[in-house]
Protein backbone atom coordinates (compact mmCIF):
# COMPACT_ATOMS: atom_id res chain seq x y z
CA MET A 1 0.00 0.00 0.00
CA THR A 2 1.53 3.28 -1.04
CA ASP A 3 0.70 6.46 0.84
CA ALA A 4 2.25 9.13 -1.35
CA THR A 5 -1.01 10.19 -2.98
CA VAL A 6 -2.16 13.76 -2.43
CA SER A 7 -5.85 14.40 -2.95
CA ALA A 8 -6.46 16.38 -6.13
CA PRO A 9 -7.91 19.86 -5.64
CA GLU A 10 -11.22 20.84 -7.11
CA PRO A 11 -11.17 23.36 -9.98
CA GLY A 12 -10.80 26.83 -8.50
CA HIS A 13 -9.31 25.55 -5.24
CA ARG A 14 -5.83 27.01 -4.84
CA LEU A 15 -2.86 24.73 -4.44
CA LYS A 16 -1.90 23.73 -0.92
CA PRO A 17 1.09 25.73 0.39
CA LEU A 18 3.55 22.87 0.84
CA THR A 19 6.72 22.74 -1.21
CA PRO A 20 8.46 19.46 -2.13
CA ALA A 21 11.23 20.27 0.36
CA MET A 22 8.71 20.83 3.16
CA LEU A 23 6.92 17.60 2.24
CA ARG A 24 10.19 15.65 2.43
CA GLU A 25 11.01 17.18 5.82
CA LEU A 26 7.59 16.49 7.29
CA SER A 27 7.47 12.95 5.88
CA VAL A 28 10.50 11.72 7.85
CA ARG A 29 9.46 8.70 9.89
CA SER A 30 10.84 7.85 13.31
CA ASP A 31 11.15 4.52 15.09
CA LEU A 32 11.74 6.39 18.36
CA LYS A 33 8.60 8.53 18.16
CA GLY A 34 6.52 5.57 17.02
CA ALA A 35 7.88 3.42 19.84
CA LEU A 36 7.22 6.08 22.48
CA ARG A 37 3.63 6.59 21.35
CA SER A 38 2.79 2.91 21.02
CA LEU A 39 4.57 1.83 24.23
CA CYS A 40 2.87 4.59 26.23
CA HIS A 41 -0.52 3.71 24.76
CA TYR A 42 -0.08 0.00 25.52
CA ALA A 43 1.37 0.74 28.97
CA MET A 44 -1.79 2.66 29.82
CA VAL A 45 -3.91 -0.27 28.61
CA VAL A 46 -1.92 -2.70 30.80
CA LEU A 47 -2.02 -0.36 33.82
CA ILE A 48 -5.77 0.25 33.69
CA GLY A 49 -6.37 -3.43 32.93
CA SER A 50 -4.39 -4.38 36.05
CA LEU A 51 -6.40 -1.95 38.14
CA ILE A 52 -9.64 -3.39 36.76
CA TRP A 53 -8.60 -6.89 37.75
CA LYS A 54 -7.49 -5.80 41.22
CA VAL A 55 -10.63 -3.78 41.96
CA SER A 56 -12.92 -6.43 40.50
CA SER A 57 -11.24 -9.21 42.50
CA SER A 58 -11.32 -7.24 45.75
CA HIS A 59 -14.61 -5.36 45.61
CA GLY A 60 -16.68 -6.78 42.74
CA VAL A 61 -17.02 -5.98 39.07
CA LEU A 62 -19.46 -3.08 39.55
CA TRP A 63 -16.78 -1.05 41.31
CA ALA A 64 -14.53 -1.56 38.31
CA LEU A 65 -16.99 -0.14 35.77
CA PRO A 66 -15.51 3.40 35.77
CA LEU A 67 -12.11 1.90 35.07
CA MET A 68 -13.66 -0.22 32.32
CA ALA A 69 -14.92 2.95 30.66
CA ILE A 70 -11.40 4.41 30.69
CA GLN A 71 -10.01 1.12 29.43
CA GLY A 72 -12.65 1.10 26.70
CA TYR A 73 -11.49 4.47 25.43
CA LEU A 74 -7.87 3.32 25.38
CA VAL A 75 -8.51 -0.08 23.82
CA ALA A 76 -10.93 1.16 21.16
CA PHE A 77 -8.47 3.89 20.18
CA LEU A 78 -5.84 1.26 19.41
CA PHE A 79 -7.63 1.62 16.09
CA MET A 80 -5.35 4.65 15.64
CA ALA A 81 -2.26 2.49 16.00
CA LEU A 82 -3.74 0.16 13.39
CA HIS A 83 -4.50 3.10 11.11
CA GLU A 84 -1.05 4.65 11.34
CA THR A 85 0.74 1.32 10.84
CA ALA A 86 -1.52 0.56 7.87
CA HIS A 87 0.02 3.65 6.26
CA LYS A 88 3.47 2.37 7.35
CA THR A 89 4.12 5.78 8.89
CA ALA A 90 4.08 4.92 12.61
CA PHE A 91 7.68 3.73 12.36
CA ARG A 92 10.52 3.97 9.91
CA SER A 93 10.95 0.19 10.22
CA ARG A 94 8.50 -1.85 8.17
CA GLY A 95 8.83 -4.70 10.69
CA LEU A 96 7.78 -2.49 13.59
CA ASN A 97 4.83 -1.16 11.60
CA LEU A 98 3.68 -4.71 10.95
CA ALA A 99 4.25 -5.92 14.52
CA VAL A 100 2.29 -3.08 16.16
CA GLY A 101 -0.27 -3.14 13.36
CA TYR A 102 -1.04 -6.84 13.66
CA LEU A 103 -1.23 -6.70 17.48
CA SER A 104 -3.51 -3.66 17.51
CA ALA A 105 -5.70 -5.11 14.77
CA PHE A 106 -6.10 -8.37 16.68
CA ILE A 107 -7.08 -6.59 19.90
CA ILE A 108 -9.82 -4.53 18.24
CA GLY A 109 -11.06 -7.36 16.01
CA GLN A 110 -10.12 -5.76 12.68
CA PRO A 111 -7.89 -8.01 10.52
CA TYR A 112 -4.80 -6.04 9.52
CA GLU A 113 -4.34 -7.00 5.87
CA TYR A 114 -8.04 -6.54 5.20
CA TYR A 115 -8.03 -3.11 6.81
CA CYS A 116 -5.00 -1.95 4.80
CA LEU A 117 -6.83 -2.65 1.53
CA PHE A 118 -10.12 -1.22 2.80
CA HIS A 119 -8.40 1.94 3.94
CA TRP A 120 -6.40 2.35 0.73
CA ASP A 121 -9.64 2.53 -1.25
CA HIS A 122 -11.07 4.94 1.31
CA HIS A 123 -8.20 7.33 0.58
CA ARG A 124 -8.48 6.84 -3.18
CA TYR A 125 -12.23 7.44 -3.25
CA THR A 126 -13.00 9.56 -0.18
CA GLN A 127 -16.66 10.61 -0.10
CA ASP A 128 -17.47 8.81 -3.37
CA PRO A 129 -20.72 6.99 -2.52
CA GLU A 130 -20.09 4.39 -5.22
CA LYS A 131 -16.46 3.57 -4.35
CA ASP A 132 -15.55 4.72 -0.84
CA PRO A 133 -15.74 1.56 1.33
CA GLU A 134 -16.61 3.61 4.41
CA LEU A 135 -19.73 4.88 2.68
CA ILE A 136 -20.57 1.52 1.12
CA VAL A 137 -20.53 -0.38 4.42
CA GLY A 138 -21.54 2.57 6.58
CA VAL A 139 -24.82 2.51 8.44
CA LYS A 140 -27.55 4.40 6.60
CA PRO A 141 -30.04 5.25 9.36
CA LYS A 142 -33.72 5.53 8.52
CA SER A 143 -34.91 6.73 11.93
CA GLU A 144 -33.72 8.59 15.03
CA THR A 145 -33.29 5.24 16.77
CA GLN A 146 -31.06 3.98 13.98
CA ILE A 147 -28.99 7.17 14.17
CA ALA A 148 -28.43 6.53 17.88
CA LEU A 149 -27.51 2.93 17.14
CA ALA A 150 -25.02 4.09 14.51
CA TYR A 151 -23.31 6.31 17.08
CA SER A 152 -22.99 3.36 19.47
CA GLY A 153 -20.70 1.55 17.03
CA LEU A 154 -22.28 -1.79 17.91
CA LEU A 155 -23.63 -2.48 14.42
CA GLN A 156 -20.25 -1.72 12.91
CA VAL A 157 -18.47 -4.14 15.23
CA ALA A 158 -21.06 -6.84 14.61
CA GLY A 159 -20.76 -6.35 10.85
CA ARG A 160 -16.98 -6.46 11.01
CA LEU A 161 -16.97 -9.72 12.96
CA ARG A 162 -19.64 -11.22 10.71
CA LEU A 163 -17.56 -10.39 7.64
CA MET A 164 -14.42 -11.86 9.16
CA LEU A 165 -16.20 -15.08 10.13
CA GLY A 166 -17.76 -15.24 6.66
CA HIS A 167 -14.31 -15.09 5.09
CA ALA A 168 -13.03 -17.71 7.51
CA VAL A 169 -15.89 -20.18 7.07
CA THR A 170 -16.73 -19.83 3.39
CA GLY A 171 -13.25 -19.09 2.06
CA LYS A 172 -14.80 -16.47 -0.22
CA VAL A 173 -14.13 -12.73 -0.45
CA THR A 174 -16.49 -10.73 -2.62
CA VAL A 175 -16.12 -7.11 -1.48
CA PRO A 176 -14.85 -4.95 -4.37
CA TRP A 177 -11.97 -3.29 -2.50
CA ILE A 178 -10.12 -6.61 -2.13
CA PRO A 179 -8.35 -7.45 -5.42
CA GLU A 180 -8.47 -11.02 -6.68
CA HIS A 181 -4.79 -11.74 -5.97
CA LYS A 182 -5.19 -10.70 -2.31
CA ARG A 183 -8.27 -12.72 -1.49
CA ALA A 184 -6.46 -15.88 -0.38
CA ILE A 185 -4.44 -13.79 2.09
CA ILE A 186 -7.63 -12.28 3.51
CA VAL A 187 -9.19 -15.72 3.99
CA THR A 188 -6.07 -17.09 5.71
CA GLU A 189 -5.88 -14.03 7.94
CA ALA A 190 -9.54 -14.37 8.96
CA ARG A 191 -9.05 -18.04 9.80
CA VAL A 192 -6.00 -17.33 11.96
CA TYR A 193 -7.84 -14.57 13.83
CA ALA A 194 -10.90 -16.75 14.38
CA LEU A 195 -8.77 -19.68 15.57
CA VAL A 196 -6.89 -17.60 18.13
CA TYR A 197 -10.11 -16.00 19.40
CA VAL A 198 -11.63 -19.46 19.86
CA LEU A 199 -8.51 -20.67 21.70
CA LEU A 200 -8.60 -17.69 24.05
CA PHE A 201 -12.29 -18.29 24.71
CA ALA A 202 -11.63 -21.98 25.40
CA LEU A 203 -8.78 -21.15 27.81
CA SER A 204 -11.00 -18.70 29.68
CA LEU A 205 -13.62 -21.42 30.10
CA TRP A 206 -10.98 -23.97 31.11
CA PHE A 207 -9.65 -21.73 33.87
CA SER A 208 -13.10 -20.30 34.73
CA SER A 209 -11.58 -16.86 34.28
CA THR A 210 -13.35 -13.62 33.49
CA LEU A 211 -10.06 -11.74 33.07
CA LEU A 212 -10.30 -11.24 29.31
CA LEU A 213 -13.97 -10.33 29.55
CA GLU A 214 -13.33 -7.62 32.14
CA VAL A 215 -10.11 -6.07 30.83
CA TRP A 216 -10.62 -6.53 27.09
CA ILE A 217 -14.01 -7.58 25.67
CA VAL A 218 -16.40 -5.48 27.76
CA PRO A 219 -14.14 -2.38 27.62
CA LEU A 220 -13.80 -2.79 23.86
CA ILE A 221 -17.59 -2.73 23.52
CA ILE A 222 -17.87 0.29 25.82
CA GLY A 223 -15.12 1.99 23.85
CA GLN A 224 -17.19 1.98 20.67
CA PHE A 225 -19.40 4.66 22.21
CA PHE A 226 -16.32 6.93 22.20
CA LEU A 227 -14.74 5.78 18.95
CA ARG A 228 -17.73 5.85 16.62
CA PRO A 229 -18.69 9.54 17.15
CA TYR A 230 -15.01 10.37 16.66
CA LEU A 231 -14.89 8.46 13.34
CA LEU A 232 -18.19 9.94 12.15
CA ALA A 233 -16.70 13.41 12.67
CA GLU A 234 -14.01 12.77 10.05
CA HIS A 235 -16.17 13.10 6.93
CA THR A 236 -19.87 13.26 7.82
CA GLY A 237 -21.53 16.27 6.25
CA CYS A 238 -18.46 17.30 4.26
CA GLU A 239 -18.45 17.88 0.51
CA ARG A 240 -18.52 15.06 -2.03
CA THR A 241 -15.40 16.30 -3.85
CA ARG A 242 -11.85 15.09 -4.53
CA SER A 243 -10.22 17.79 -2.39
CA ALA A 244 -9.19 16.67 1.08
CA PHE A 245 -9.64 20.28 2.18
CA GLN A 246 -13.33 20.02 1.33
CA ASN A 247 -14.27 16.36 1.89
CA THR A 248 -12.70 15.93 5.34
CA ARG A 249 -12.99 17.62 8.74
CA THR A 250 -10.25 18.59 11.18
CA THR A 251 -11.48 18.77 14.76
CA TYR A 252 -9.74 21.07 17.22
CA THR A 253 -9.78 19.34 20.57
CA ALA A 254 -7.91 18.79 23.85
CA ALA A 255 -4.28 17.69 23.82
CA ILE A 256 -5.07 14.39 25.60
CA VAL A 257 -7.64 13.50 22.92
CA LYS A 258 -5.14 14.24 20.16
CA TRP A 259 -2.53 12.14 21.98
CA ILE A 260 -4.73 9.07 22.38
CA ALA A 261 -5.95 9.45 18.78
CA TRP A 262 -2.37 9.67 17.45
CA ASN A 263 -3.04 13.22 16.15
CA MET A 264 -5.72 11.99 13.76
CA PRO A 265 -8.11 14.82 14.73
CA TYR A 266 -5.87 16.64 12.22
CA HIS A 267 -7.72 14.64 9.63
CA VAL A 268 -7.76 17.06 6.71
CA GLU A 269 -4.00 17.23 7.00
CA HIS A 270 -3.74 13.45 7.03
CA HIS A 271 -5.95 13.00 3.97
CA ALA A 272 -4.20 15.74 2.03
CA TYR A 273 -0.74 14.34 2.79
CA PRO A 274 -1.05 10.70 3.93
CA SER A 275 2.73 10.15 3.71
CA ILE A 276 3.27 12.48 6.67
CA PRO A 277 3.48 10.60 9.99
CA PHE A 278 1.30 11.30 13.01
CA HIS A 279 3.95 13.22 14.95
CA ALA A 280 4.34 15.85 12.18
CA LEU A 281 0.63 16.60 11.75
CA PRO A 282 0.51 19.46 14.31
CA LYS A 283 3.30 21.22 12.40
CA LEU A 284 1.50 20.58 9.12
CA ASN A 285 -1.67 22.06 10.61
CA GLY A 286 0.20 25.29 11.28
CA ILE A 287 1.04 25.49 7.58
CA VAL A 288 -2.31 24.60 5.98
CA ASP A 289 -4.80 25.65 8.67
CA ASP A 290 -6.20 28.53 6.61
CA GLU A 291 -7.15 26.12 3.81
CA ILE A 292 -9.36 23.91 5.96
CA VAL A 293 -13.07 24.25 5.20
CA TYR A 294 -14.69 21.96 7.81
CA ARG A 295 -13.41 22.78 11.29
CA GLY A 296 -14.86 20.96 14.27
CA ARG A 297 -14.75 22.73 17.62
CA GLY A 298 -14.44 19.78 19.98
CA TYR A 299 -16.10 16.40 19.64
CA ILE A 300 -19.22 17.24 21.64
CA GLN A 301 -20.09 20.13 19.34
CA THR A 302 -19.02 18.24 16.22
CA THR A 303 -21.17 15.25 17.19
CA ARG A 304 -24.15 17.58 17.50
CA GLU A 305 -23.42 18.81 13.97
CA THR A 306 -23.00 15.36 12.44
CA TRP A 307 -26.13 14.09 14.22
CA ALA A 308 -28.04 17.08 12.81
CA TRP A 309 -26.72 16.21 9.35
CA PHE A 310 -28.12 12.67 9.64
CA ARG A 311 -31.45 14.08 10.79
CA ARG A 312 -31.59 16.34 7.73
CA GLN A 313 -31.05 13.28 5.54
CA LEU A 314 -34.09 11.66 7.14
CA GLU A 315 -36.10 14.77 6.32
CA GLY A 316 -34.74 14.99 2.78
CA GLY A 317 -32.75 18.13 3.55
CA PRO A 318 -29.51 19.37 1.98
CA ALA A 319 -26.47 17.11 2.16
CA LYS A 320 -24.13 19.86 3.30
CA ALA A 321 -23.21 20.15 6.95
CA ALA A 322 -24.27 23.13 9.04
């Protein structure tokens, strides 16, 4: 998967102010910065997971629920580690990108090789309703209740697991974003994931342990309530054009949110220049900020705006965001 593509501007949209020299400088990848971010993220997951187990063992699982919510945020946002390693920009080393990518993908239940191909087409065809995989598989709510369900992320997780199990059981891959020569790899990957999940489930039953349920599975489900509104903020209500400065939203938010999300709230910047690694996106934002059309002001406000956009679709209103 290459990541050197820059989204083409729409006619009349001025060129982005980034010279080839600046692009080369910003695109330098770092094993050290990737290692620090991933190790800190995983260390937090292990720390909170340990606290969950201790509190649950000593006082009961109900007392651990607040910690499970924190763990859910951290575990669900390992999606960002998967995303950055799919671009091969988290580290300079390809091996480190693959190692962290495969581990993160396994934890969140999103097969790595499948996601790389899915995400490549998302970048190639962003906001194209006929070709963008995110729009093709995305939930298309027909009622307020379905909008709420879409923001829970539960349907997306169920669909993802159903697709993976379908690949594993049938040996067939029919989605258009997976080329013919990659389909055997996707089937093998799905079968390996499914086998390891079954083994972990069997071991939990054998030892009568709820450890994985309390520190991983339940938090991962809770975490979807944080992750899905974040992901819906990236493109919902933006223009259906080829320009990343018009079809994507950057959301200005707290430093801790940007840290846990690997700077992906700078999403216009990422789509415009996907070869630039996560740690350089704040600097890139300082260069191209004036070009950004859709600017979210925190995720609470942005979620209100994207929810309103979905409601307008139910009422047959304009497709453009407020």
